[in-house]
Amino acid sequence: YSFSDINECLGESGVDYDKDCHECINTIGSYTCRCDDGYELHPNGTSCQGQ
């Protein structure tokens, strides 16, 4: 049995990552964000918020 991961960061999967995410990082089965200086990762892990 095998599976292929959908890269949610590409937008081609029909899953459009949150626009508040400064840099999308694909993970197996999901994604997380890297935030610009002056912002921190929101507890949901998929958006950035001001500090």
C-alpha atoms as a PDB file:
ATOM      1  CA  TYR A   1       0.000   0.000   0.000  1.00  0.00           C
ATOM      2  CA  SER A   2       1.273   3.452  -0.847  1.00  0.00           C
ATOM      3  CA  PHE A   3      -0.066   6.952  -1.137  1.00  0.00           C
ATOM      4  CA  SER A   4       1.048  10.207  -2.628  1.00  0.00           C
ATOM      5  CA  ASP A   5       1.040  13.439  -0.689  1.00  0.00           C
ATOM      6  CA  ILE A   6      -0.912  16.381  -2.099  1.00  0.00           C
ATOM      7  CA  ASN A   7       1.126  19.572  -1.952  1.00  0.00           C
ATOM      8  CA  GLU A   8      -1.401  22.004  -0.473  1.00  0.00           C
ATOM      9  CA  CYS A   9       1.011  24.868  -1.117  1.00  0.00           C
ATOM     10  CA  LEU A  10       0.711  24.585  -4.895  1.00  0.00           C
ATOM     11  CA  GLY A  11      -2.956  25.541  -4.987  1.00  0.00           C
ATOM     12  CA  GLU A  12      -3.473  23.000  -7.787  1.00  0.00           C
ATOM     13  CA  SER A  13      -4.963  20.503  -5.344  1.00  0.00           C
ATOM     14  CA  GLY A  14      -8.080  22.596  -4.847  1.00  0.00           C
ATOM     15  CA  VAL A  15      -6.863  23.400  -1.340  1.00  0.00           C
ATOM     16  CA  ASP A  16      -5.830  27.036  -1.227  1.00  0.00           C
ATOM     17  CA  TYR A  17      -3.648  27.804   1.767  1.00  0.00           C
ATOM     18  CA  ASP A  18      -4.619  30.725   3.973  1.00  0.00           C
ATOM     19  CA  LYS A  19      -3.653  34.078   2.435  1.00  0.00           C
ATOM     20  CA  ASP A  20      -2.284  35.138   5.854  1.00  0.00           C
ATOM     21  CA  CYS A  21       0.439  32.508   5.486  1.00  0.00           C
ATOM     22  CA  HIS A  22       3.643  34.280   4.423  1.00  0.00           C
ATOM     23  CA  GLU A  23       5.505  31.154   3.289  1.00  0.00           C
ATOM     24  CA  CYS A  24       3.693  27.861   2.891  1.00  0.00           C
ATOM     25  CA  ILE A  25       5.601  24.697   3.870  1.00  0.00           C
ATOM     26  CA  ASN A  26       4.122  21.405   2.693  1.00  0.00           C
ATOM     27  CA  THR A  27       4.049  18.562   5.228  1.00  0.00           C
ATOM     28  CA  ILE A  28       2.714  15.030   4.850  1.00  0.00           C
ATOM     29  CA  GLY A  29      -1.060  15.369   4.825  1.00  0.00           C
ATOM     30  CA  SER A  30      -1.100  19.072   5.654  1.00  0.00           C
ATOM     31  CA  TYR A  31       0.926  22.286   5.611  1.00  0.00           C
ATOM     32  CA  THR A  32       2.296  24.888   7.985  1.00  0.00           C
ATOM     33  CA  CYS A  33       3.531  28.448   7.596  1.00  0.00           C
ATOM     34  CA  ARG A  34       6.722  30.383   8.092  1.00  0.00           C
ATOM     35  CA  CYS A  35       6.071  33.986   9.105  1.00  0.00           C
ATOM     36  CA  ASP A  36       7.881  37.211   8.228  1.00  0.00           C
ATOM     37  CA  ASP A  37       9.737  39.267  10.856  1.00  0.00           C
ATOM     38  CA  GLY A  38       7.303  41.006  13.191  1.00  0.00           C
ATOM     39  CA  TYR A  39       4.746  38.190  12.895  1.00  0.00           C
ATOM     40  CA  GLU A  40       4.284  34.926  14.737  1.00  0.00           C
ATOM     41  CA  LEU A  41       2.636  31.656  13.829  1.00  0.00           C
ATOM     42  CA  HIS A  42      -1.016  31.544  14.868  1.00  0.00           C
ATOM     43  CA  PRO A  43      -1.895  28.536  17.072  1.00  0.00           C
ATOM     44  CA  ASN A  44      -3.755  27.002  14.107  1.00  0.00           C
ATOM     45  CA  GLY A  45      -0.344  26.578  12.413  1.00  0.00           C
ATOM     46  CA  THR A  46      -1.685  27.777   9.076  1.00  0.00           C
ATOM     47  CA  SER A  47      -1.578  31.562   9.378  1.00  0.00           C
ATOM     48  CA  CYS A  48       0.568  34.391  10.729  1.00  0.00           C
ATOM     49  CA  GLN A  49      -0.443  37.112  13.153  1.00  0.00           C
ATOM     50  CA  GLY A  50       1.193  40.343  14.273  1.00  0.00           C
ATOM     51  CA  GLN A  51       3.201  40.160  17.489  1.00  0.00           C
END
